[in-house]
Amino acid sequence: MSGAGAPQITVDGTGLRVTVVAASWHTEVMDGLLAGAHRALAAANVTHVRVVRVPGSFELPVAAVRAAEHGADAVVALGVVIRGGTPHFEYVCSAATTGLTDVSVRTGVPVGFGVLTCDDEQQALDRAGLPGSREDKGAEAVEAAIATVVALRDL
């Protein structure tokens, strides 16, 4: 299980504008990721939040770049891709990862990466921040994005 050695991140995001772009596949997992994101945003005092839903993880980069270009101080991308019996998993994971990395590097707007890439549904549920989950990747993606905004202010 990932998560070992993860830093404790606590930052104040007061006044930040954060857009959460979230895929729609795997409703239970996505509901958990979104709830975790909302918990972390509230804990960081972020009140300017916009949530944009897209069909799947492949569509996250185009929504993220639009948010970054239209005033978001940070973007949080949430999705889940579960391995199947075809190469589709690798294509979607690669496109989402490369696309979201490109958004952050090209625009200078931090993108919190909350895209789960799992072998099966149980792995996704274990990371979704639901009751009984071992990890809360929605919250972690928010914390990383906000901490990066704060860190970039010092450069």
Protein backbone atom coordinates (compact mmCIF):
# COMPACT_ATOMS: atom_id res chain seq x y z
CA MET A 1 0.00 0.00 0.00
CA SER A 2 1.30 3.46 -0.84
CA GLY A 3 1.16 6.17 1.77
CA ALA A 4 4.16 5.12 3.83
CA GLY A 5 6.36 8.14 4.35
CA ALA A 6 3.73 10.64 3.20
CA PRO A 7 4.29 14.12 4.63
CA GLN A 8 1.81 15.81 6.95
CA ILE A 9 0.83 18.93 5.01
CA THR A 10 -1.00 21.76 6.71
CA VAL A 11 -1.34 25.05 4.87
CA ASP A 12 -3.62 28.06 4.88
CA GLY A 13 -5.35 28.55 1.57
CA THR A 14 -7.40 31.57 2.59
CA GLY A 15 -8.29 33.61 -0.48
CA LEU A 16 -7.25 30.97 -3.01
CA ARG A 17 -9.46 30.06 -5.94
CA VAL A 18 -9.38 26.29 -6.44
CA THR A 19 -11.05 24.36 -9.23
CA VAL A 20 -11.64 20.64 -8.74
CA VAL A 21 -11.99 18.75 -12.01
CA ALA A 22 -13.47 15.32 -11.42
CA ALA A 23 -14.21 12.35 -13.64
CA SER A 24 -17.56 10.61 -13.48
CA TRP A 25 -16.64 6.91 -13.82
CA HIS A 26 -16.83 4.72 -10.68
CA THR A 27 -19.38 6.74 -8.73
CA GLU A 28 -18.66 5.37 -5.25
CA VAL A 29 -14.93 5.99 -5.53
CA MET A 30 -15.42 9.42 -7.09
CA ASP A 31 -17.90 10.43 -4.37
CA GLY A 32 -15.25 9.54 -1.79
CA LEU A 33 -12.50 11.45 -3.60
CA LEU A 34 -14.70 14.52 -3.92
CA ALA A 35 -15.75 14.38 -0.27
CA GLY A 36 -12.10 14.15 0.76
CA ALA A 37 -11.25 17.10 -1.46
CA HIS A 38 -14.03 19.16 0.11
CA ARG A 39 -12.85 18.23 3.63
CA ALA A 40 -9.29 19.30 2.83
CA LEU A 41 -10.42 22.53 1.17
CA ALA A 42 -12.47 23.43 4.24
CA ALA A 43 -9.56 22.57 6.56
CA ALA A 44 -7.31 24.88 4.51
CA ASN A 45 -9.87 27.73 4.68
CA VAL A 46 -10.48 27.69 0.92
CA THR A 47 -13.93 29.10 0.22
CA HIS A 48 -13.66 29.91 -3.51
CA VAL A 49 -14.20 26.41 -4.92
CA ARG A 50 -15.55 25.37 -8.28
CA VAL A 51 -16.24 21.74 -9.16
CA VAL A 52 -16.30 20.71 -12.82
CA ARG A 53 -17.35 17.18 -13.77
CA VAL A 54 -16.09 15.55 -16.96
CA PRO A 55 -16.88 12.08 -18.34
CA GLY A 56 -13.62 10.31 -17.53
CA SER A 57 -9.98 10.66 -16.55
CA PHE A 58 -8.95 11.14 -20.18
CA GLU A 59 -10.89 14.43 -20.20
CA LEU A 60 -9.30 15.83 -17.02
CA PRO A 61 -6.42 17.70 -18.73
CA VAL A 62 -8.62 19.79 -21.02
CA ALA A 63 -10.79 20.88 -18.10
CA ALA A 64 -7.71 21.53 -15.97
CA VAL A 65 -6.08 23.77 -18.56
CA ARG A 66 -9.29 25.77 -18.99
CA ALA A 67 -9.51 26.27 -15.22
CA ALA A 68 -5.83 27.26 -15.03
CA GLU A 69 -6.24 29.77 -17.85
CA HIS A 70 -9.35 31.30 -16.31
CA GLY A 71 -8.24 32.33 -12.86
CA ALA A 72 -7.76 29.24 -10.71
CA ASP A 73 -4.83 29.54 -8.32
CA ALA A 74 -4.74 25.73 -8.14
CA VAL A 75 -6.46 22.85 -9.88
CA VAL A 76 -7.18 19.49 -8.32
CA ALA A 77 -7.72 16.60 -10.74
CA LEU A 78 -9.64 13.59 -9.44
CA GLY A 79 -10.28 10.38 -11.32
CA VAL A 80 -9.98 6.64 -11.22
CA VAL A 81 -8.83 4.17 -13.86
CA ILE A 82 -9.13 0.48 -13.09
CA ARG A 83 -7.11 -2.03 -15.08
CA GLY A 84 -9.07 -4.21 -17.46
CA GLY A 85 -8.14 -6.84 -19.98
CA THR A 86 -7.01 -4.45 -22.74
CA PRO A 87 -4.27 -1.82 -23.15
CA HIS A 88 -6.91 0.91 -22.63
CA PHE A 89 -5.76 1.30 -19.00
CA GLU A 90 -2.22 2.23 -20.02
CA TYR A 91 -3.40 4.70 -22.67
CA VAL A 92 -5.79 6.54 -20.34
CA CYS A 93 -3.33 6.61 -17.42
CA SER A 94 -0.54 7.89 -19.64
CA ALA A 95 -2.72 10.54 -21.29
CA ALA A 96 -4.08 11.80 -17.97
CA THR A 97 -0.66 11.91 -16.31
CA THR A 98 1.12 13.55 -19.23
CA GLY A 99 -1.74 15.96 -19.86
CA LEU A 100 -2.03 17.10 -16.26
CA THR A 101 1.74 17.49 -15.94
CA ASP A 102 1.73 19.61 -19.09
CA VAL A 103 -1.03 21.82 -17.68
CA SER A 104 0.93 22.63 -14.54
CA VAL A 105 4.27 23.17 -16.28
CA ARG A 106 2.83 25.22 -19.16
CA THR A 107 0.52 27.44 -17.09
CA GLY A 108 2.47 27.65 -13.82
CA VAL A 109 -0.72 26.72 -11.96
CA PRO A 110 -0.24 23.80 -9.55
CA VAL A 111 -2.30 20.72 -10.33
CA GLY A 112 -2.99 18.29 -7.49
CA PHE A 113 -2.87 14.78 -8.93
CA GLY A 114 -5.69 12.70 -7.48
CA VAL A 115 -6.06 10.17 -10.27
CA LEU A 116 -6.14 6.64 -8.91
CA THR A 117 -4.59 4.03 -11.20
CA CYS A 118 -5.56 0.70 -9.70
CA ASP A 119 -5.49 -2.97 -10.57
CA ASP A 120 -8.96 -3.55 -9.15
CA GLU A 121 -11.91 -1.82 -7.54
CA GLN A 122 -10.84 -2.72 -3.99
CA GLN A 123 -7.57 -0.85 -4.42
CA ALA A 124 -9.55 2.21 -5.52
CA LEU A 125 -11.94 1.93 -2.57
CA ASP A 126 -8.95 1.67 -0.20
CA ARG A 127 -7.68 5.04 -1.46
CA ALA A 128 -10.98 6.89 -1.86
CA GLY A 129 -11.31 8.39 1.62
CA LEU A 130 -14.49 6.46 2.34
CA PRO A 131 -15.30 5.00 5.76
CA GLY A 132 -12.91 2.06 6.07
CA SER A 133 -10.49 3.39 3.41
CA ARG A 134 -6.81 3.36 4.32
CA GLU A 135 -6.05 6.56 2.41
CA ASP A 136 -7.77 9.75 1.29
CA LYS A 137 -6.26 10.65 -2.06
CA GLY A 138 -8.82 13.39 -2.72
CA ALA A 139 -7.66 15.23 0.38
CA GLU A 140 -4.00 14.56 -0.40
CA ALA A 141 -4.36 16.04 -3.90
CA VAL A 142 -5.87 19.22 -2.44
CA GLU A 143 -3.15 19.49 0.20
CA ALA A 144 -0.41 19.09 -2.41
CA ALA A 145 -1.90 21.69 -4.75
CA ILE A 146 -2.38 24.29 -2.02
CA ALA A 147 1.06 23.65 -0.51
CA THR A 148 2.60 24.14 -3.96
CA VAL A 149 0.80 27.47 -4.45
CA VAL A 150 2.18 28.62 -1.09
CA ALA A 151 5.68 27.35 -1.91
CA LEU A 152 5.70 29.11 -5.29
CA ARG A 153 4.90 32.43 -3.61
CA ASP A 154 8.36 32.28 -2.02
CA LEU A 155 10.21 31.92 -5.34
